Amino acid sequence: MKKLILFILFFGVINVSAQKRSAPIDSVRKVNKFSISMMGGLSWRVAQTDPAATPLEKAYIKDLKSGKSYSIAGKYYFKKKFGVGLKFNSHLSEVQFNNLYMEYNGHNYYGVLSDDIAINSFAATFSGRVFNRSQTGYFMFDGGLAFISYRDDARIADNKVLIKGYTAGINLSAGYALSLTRNIAVTLGFDYIMGSLSEYDQTENGVKTRITLNDNQTQGLAHIDVVGGLIVSF
């Protein structure tokens, strides 16, 4: 968190100094129709935890909801303010508790409980950007439909469980970009990926099973990412 605060302060100092720049960036921004962004940061899943869960289960789920986020996007602006693009986003989280007594499938176990989760989304987006008066930076937003994949490599004592599923969702993002050179900008913003899993394949100790969930049992995949990175435009 300290690193994130320092980055925001550094970002603000650069933005103030950049206001002194003028026409050269304006002339470049008007012809830059393509951009590639590379982002990374922190991510939190927002699905509600079961109120009936035990304190230990709630602590485990709380740790598992927090993770890291990475994304890469390519955009084409057919007008100065509007464009289309493709975006990949990944939420990664991993937790392991040791020396636990557990009940699973009617049996009691002692040992390790772990999950290694990856939620990946591929989205086709509509993009927008609004430049500031000096043309040294711009607000940006994206929104589009996403294909989401879910994978969890879990371990319950001696039982290895692999869960894989796919669904459709929505990818939304917003942020601010600040130009450093004629083609490079730094950016700070957030992503919000929405989606839920109603069925998945579960492979346990080599045996594969298709699991279908009821409407009130769906697995929430939504997460919010706070990210920073670079944008290369040309």
Protein backbone atom coordinates (compact mmCIF):
# COMPACT_ATOMS: atom_id res chain seq x y z
CA MET A 1 0.00 0.00 0.00
CA LYS A 2 2.90 2.38 0.76
CA LYS A 3 4.28 1.78 -2.72
CA LEU A 4 0.88 2.58 -4.24
CA ILE A 5 0.62 5.86 -2.28
CA LEU A 6 4.15 6.88 -3.31
CA PHE A 7 3.32 6.11 -6.93
CA ILE A 8 0.19 8.30 -6.77
CA LEU A 9 2.17 11.19 -5.26
CA PHE A 10 4.90 10.80 -7.88
CA PHE A 11 2.23 10.70 -10.57
CA GLY A 12 0.76 13.99 -9.30
CA VAL A 13 4.15 15.76 -9.25
CA ILE A 14 4.82 14.74 -12.84
CA ASN A 15 1.36 15.92 -13.88
CA VAL A 16 1.93 19.40 -12.42
CA SER A 17 5.25 19.81 -14.19
CA ALA A 18 3.82 18.46 -17.43
CA GLN A 19 1.22 21.22 -17.61
CA LYS A 20 4.03 23.53 -18.77
CA ARG A 21 4.38 21.59 -22.00
CA SER A 22 2.23 22.62 -24.94
CA ALA A 23 1.88 22.42 -28.72
CA PRO A 24 4.32 19.63 -29.69
CA ILE A 25 2.35 16.99 -27.79
CA ASP A 26 -0.92 18.31 -29.18
CA SER A 27 0.27 17.83 -32.74
CA VAL A 28 1.43 14.29 -32.03
CA ARG A 29 -1.71 13.26 -30.12
CA LYS A 30 -3.90 14.23 -33.06
CA VAL A 31 -2.27 11.63 -35.31
CA ASN A 32 -1.68 8.83 -32.77
CA LYS A 33 -4.38 6.35 -33.66
CA PHE A 34 -2.89 3.20 -32.16
CA SER A 35 -1.92 2.47 -28.56
CA ILE A 36 -0.67 -0.50 -26.53
CA SER A 37 -0.97 -0.46 -22.74
CA MET A 38 0.71 -2.71 -20.18
CA MET A 39 -0.66 -2.55 -16.63
CA GLY A 40 -0.21 -4.22 -13.27
CA GLY A 41 -1.39 -3.79 -9.71
CA LEU A 42 -3.58 -5.10 -6.90
CA SER A 43 -6.88 -6.93 -7.25
CA TRP A 44 -9.80 -7.78 -4.97
CA ARG A 45 -12.72 -10.11 -5.63
CA VAL A 46 -16.03 -8.61 -4.51
CA ALA A 47 -18.31 -11.65 -4.08
CA GLN A 48 -19.96 -11.83 -0.66
CA THR A 49 -18.60 -14.35 1.85
CA ASP A 50 -21.12 -16.83 3.26
CA PRO A 51 -22.24 -15.39 6.64
CA ALA A 52 -22.51 -18.95 7.98
CA ALA A 53 -18.81 -19.66 7.37
CA THR A 54 -16.59 -20.31 10.39
CA PRO A 55 -14.03 -17.67 11.47
CA LEU A 56 -11.24 -19.80 10.00
CA GLU A 57 -13.09 -20.16 6.70
CA LYS A 58 -13.73 -16.41 6.58
CA ALA A 59 -10.02 -15.69 7.20
CA TYR A 60 -9.05 -18.10 4.42
CA ILE A 61 -11.55 -16.63 1.95
CA LYS A 62 -10.49 -13.08 2.83
CA ASP A 63 -6.87 -13.90 1.97
CA LEU A 64 -7.95 -15.69 -1.20
CA LYS A 65 -10.00 -12.71 -2.44
CA SER A 66 -6.90 -10.48 -2.53
CA GLY A 67 -4.45 -10.92 -5.37
CA LYS A 68 -2.53 -9.38 -8.22
CA SER A 69 -3.71 -8.11 -11.58
CA TYR A 70 -2.04 -7.85 -14.97
CA SER A 71 -3.45 -6.61 -18.25
CA ILE A 72 -2.47 -5.71 -21.79
CA ALA A 73 -4.62 -3.88 -24.32
CA GLY A 74 -4.39 -2.71 -27.91
CA LYS A 75 -6.60 0.10 -29.21
CA TYR A 76 -7.35 1.81 -32.50
CA TYR A 77 -8.84 5.31 -32.33
CA PHE A 78 -10.90 6.00 -35.44
CA LYS A 79 -11.49 9.50 -34.04
CA LYS A 80 -9.47 11.58 -31.60
CA LYS A 81 -11.83 10.74 -28.73
CA PHE A 82 -13.24 7.35 -29.65
CA GLY A 83 -11.88 3.95 -30.60
CA VAL A 84 -12.14 0.17 -30.31
CA GLY A 85 -9.77 -2.39 -28.91
CA LEU A 86 -8.94 -5.80 -27.49
CA LYS A 87 -7.99 -6.35 -23.85
CA PHE A 88 -6.60 -9.22 -21.76
CA ASN A 89 -6.89 -9.13 -17.96
CA SER A 90 -5.67 -11.63 -15.37
CA HIS A 91 -6.50 -11.88 -11.66
CA LEU A 92 -4.14 -14.18 -9.72
CA SER A 93 -4.48 -15.21 -6.08
CA GLU A 94 -2.94 -17.99 -4.01
CA VAL A 95 -3.40 -19.06 -0.36
CA GLN A 96 -2.12 -22.00 1.68
CA PHE A 97 -2.97 -22.91 5.30
CA ASN A 98 -0.98 -25.68 6.95
CA ASN A 99 -1.68 -28.10 9.81
CA LEU A 100 -5.47 -27.97 9.60
CA TYR A 101 -8.15 -30.44 10.63
CA MET A 102 -10.74 -30.60 7.83
CA GLU A 103 -13.90 -32.43 6.90
CA TYR A 104 -14.29 -33.15 3.19
CA ASN A 105 -16.77 -35.46 1.44
CA GLY A 106 -17.68 -37.11 4.72
CA HIS A 107 -14.08 -37.80 5.77
CA ASN A 108 -11.79 -36.11 8.27
CA TYR A 109 -8.34 -34.95 7.15
CA TYR A 110 -5.30 -33.24 8.63
CA GLY A 111 -2.80 -31.31 6.56
CA VAL A 112 -2.63 -28.61 3.91
CA LEU A 113 -5.49 -26.57 2.46
CA SER A 114 -4.55 -24.48 -0.58
CA ASP A 115 -5.99 -22.74 -3.65
CA ASP A 116 -4.18 -21.28 -6.65
CA ILE A 117 -6.69 -19.27 -8.70
CA ALA A 118 -6.43 -17.58 -12.10
CA ILE A 119 -9.34 -15.59 -13.58
CA ASN A 120 -8.53 -14.51 -17.14
CA SER A 121 -10.72 -12.37 -19.38
CA PHE A 122 -10.52 -11.46 -23.07
CA ALA A 123 -12.66 -8.47 -24.04
CA ALA A 124 -13.62 -6.53 -27.15
CA THR A 125 -13.93 -2.93 -25.96
CA PHE A 126 -15.21 0.48 -26.97
CA SER A 127 -12.76 3.15 -25.83
CA GLY A 128 -12.85 6.86 -25.18
CA ARG A 129 -10.39 9.56 -24.13
CA VAL A 130 -10.73 13.23 -23.17
CA PHE A 131 -7.57 15.38 -23.33
CA ASN A 132 -6.78 18.14 -20.87
CA ARG A 133 -6.40 21.72 -22.08
CA SER A 134 -2.62 21.55 -22.48
CA GLN A 135 -2.82 18.17 -24.27
CA THR A 136 -0.30 16.68 -21.81
CA GLY A 137 -2.70 14.04 -20.48
CA TYR A 138 -6.13 12.56 -20.87
CA PHE A 139 -8.88 10.71 -19.05
CA MET A 140 -9.74 7.37 -20.61
CA PHE A 141 -12.49 4.78 -20.29
CA ASP A 142 -13.24 1.38 -21.78
CA GLY A 143 -16.17 -0.99 -21.74
CA GLY A 144 -17.01 -4.21 -23.51
CA LEU A 145 -18.09 -7.83 -23.46
CA ALA A 146 -15.62 -10.37 -22.14
CA PHE A 147 -14.96 -14.10 -22.33
CA ILE A 148 -13.84 -15.23 -18.86
CA SER A 149 -11.96 -18.39 -17.89
CA TYR A 150 -11.60 -19.67 -14.32
CA ARG A 151 -9.01 -22.14 -13.03
CA ASP A 152 -8.35 -23.28 -9.47
CA ASP A 153 -5.60 -25.74 -8.56
CA ALA A 154 -6.69 -26.77 -5.07
CA ARG A 155 -5.37 -29.21 -2.50
CA ILE A 156 -7.27 -30.63 0.45
CA ALA A 157 -4.79 -32.73 2.44
CA ASP A 158 -3.95 -35.58 0.02
CA ASN A 159 -6.74 -34.72 -2.42
CA LYS A 160 -5.79 -32.70 -5.51
CA VAL A 161 -8.71 -30.87 -7.12
CA LEU A 162 -8.64 -28.99 -10.44
CA ILE A 163 -11.59 -26.74 -11.27
CA LYS A 164 -11.99 -25.19 -14.73
CA GLY A 165 -14.90 -23.18 -16.09
CA TYR A 166 -15.87 -20.55 -18.67
CA THR A 167 -18.46 -17.80 -18.82
CA ALA A 168 -19.32 -14.43 -20.36
CA GLY A 169 -19.01 -11.12 -18.55
CA ILE A 170 -18.29 -7.40 -18.78
CA ASN A 171 -14.99 -5.51 -18.59
CA LEU A 172 -15.07 -1.85 -17.51
CA SER A 173 -12.11 0.44 -16.85
CA ALA A 174 -11.21 4.09 -16.33
CA GLY A 175 -8.05 6.04 -15.61
CA TYR A 176 -5.78 8.93 -16.37
CA ALA A 177 -2.74 8.94 -18.67
CA LEU A 178 0.10 11.45 -18.49
CA SER A 179 2.46 11.94 -21.44
CA LEU A 180 6.19 11.61 -20.76
CA THR A 181 7.38 11.72 -24.38
CA ARG A 182 5.78 12.00 -27.79
CA ASN A 183 4.84 8.30 -27.73
CA ILE A 184 4.98 7.16 -24.10
CA ALA A 185 2.63 7.89 -21.20
CA VAL A 186 2.24 6.64 -17.64
CA THR A 187 -1.21 5.76 -16.41
CA LEU A 188 -3.11 5.05 -13.21
CA GLY A 189 -6.63 3.66 -13.07
CA PHE A 190 -8.90 0.75 -12.23
CA ASP A 191 -10.58 -2.22 -13.90
CA TYR A 192 -13.87 -3.83 -12.95
CA ILE A 193 -14.54 -7.28 -14.36
CA MET A 194 -18.00 -8.77 -13.80
CA GLY A 195 -19.05 -12.37 -14.30
CA SER A 196 -20.34 -15.48 -12.52
CA LEU A 197 -19.80 -19.21 -13.03
CA SER A 198 -22.87 -21.47 -13.19
CA GLU A 199 -21.09 -24.70 -14.16
CA TYR A 200 -17.57 -26.06 -14.23
CA ASP A 201 -15.49 -29.20 -14.66
CA GLN A 202 -13.94 -30.65 -11.52
CA THR A 203 -11.12 -33.17 -11.72
CA GLU A 204 -10.33 -34.84 -8.40
CA ASN A 205 -7.56 -37.39 -8.15
CA GLY A 206 -7.88 -38.05 -11.89
CA VAL A 207 -11.70 -38.32 -12.00
CA LYS A 208 -13.49 -35.59 -14.00
CA THR A 209 -17.02 -34.44 -13.15
CA ARG A 210 -19.26 -31.70 -14.56
CA ILE A 211 -20.78 -29.59 -11.76
CA THR A 212 -23.90 -27.47 -12.38
CA LEU A 213 -24.82 -24.83 -9.80
CA ASN A 214 -28.23 -23.45 -8.86
CA ASP A 215 -28.96 -19.75 -9.31
CA ASN A 216 -28.24 -19.04 -5.64
CA GLN A 217 -24.98 -21.02 -5.72
CA THR A 218 -23.19 -19.39 -8.66
CA GLN A 219 -19.49 -18.63 -8.21
CA GLY A 220 -18.89 -14.89 -8.34
CA LEU A 221 -15.83 -13.96 -10.41
CA ALA A 222 -16.15 -10.15 -10.22
CA HIS A 223 -13.03 -8.27 -9.13
CA ILE A 224 -11.78 -4.68 -8.91
CA ASP A 225 -8.18 -3.89 -9.89
CA VAL A 226 -6.17 -0.78 -9.01
CA VAL A 227 -3.41 -0.64 -11.62
CA GLY A 228 -0.62 1.47 -13.06
CA GLY A 229 1.56 1.10 -16.12
CA LEU A 230 2.71 2.42 -19.48
CA ILE A 231 0.96 3.32 -22.73
CA VAL A 232 2.86 3.34 -26.02
CA SER A 233 1.05 5.20 -28.82
CA PHE A 234 1.90 5.64 -32.48
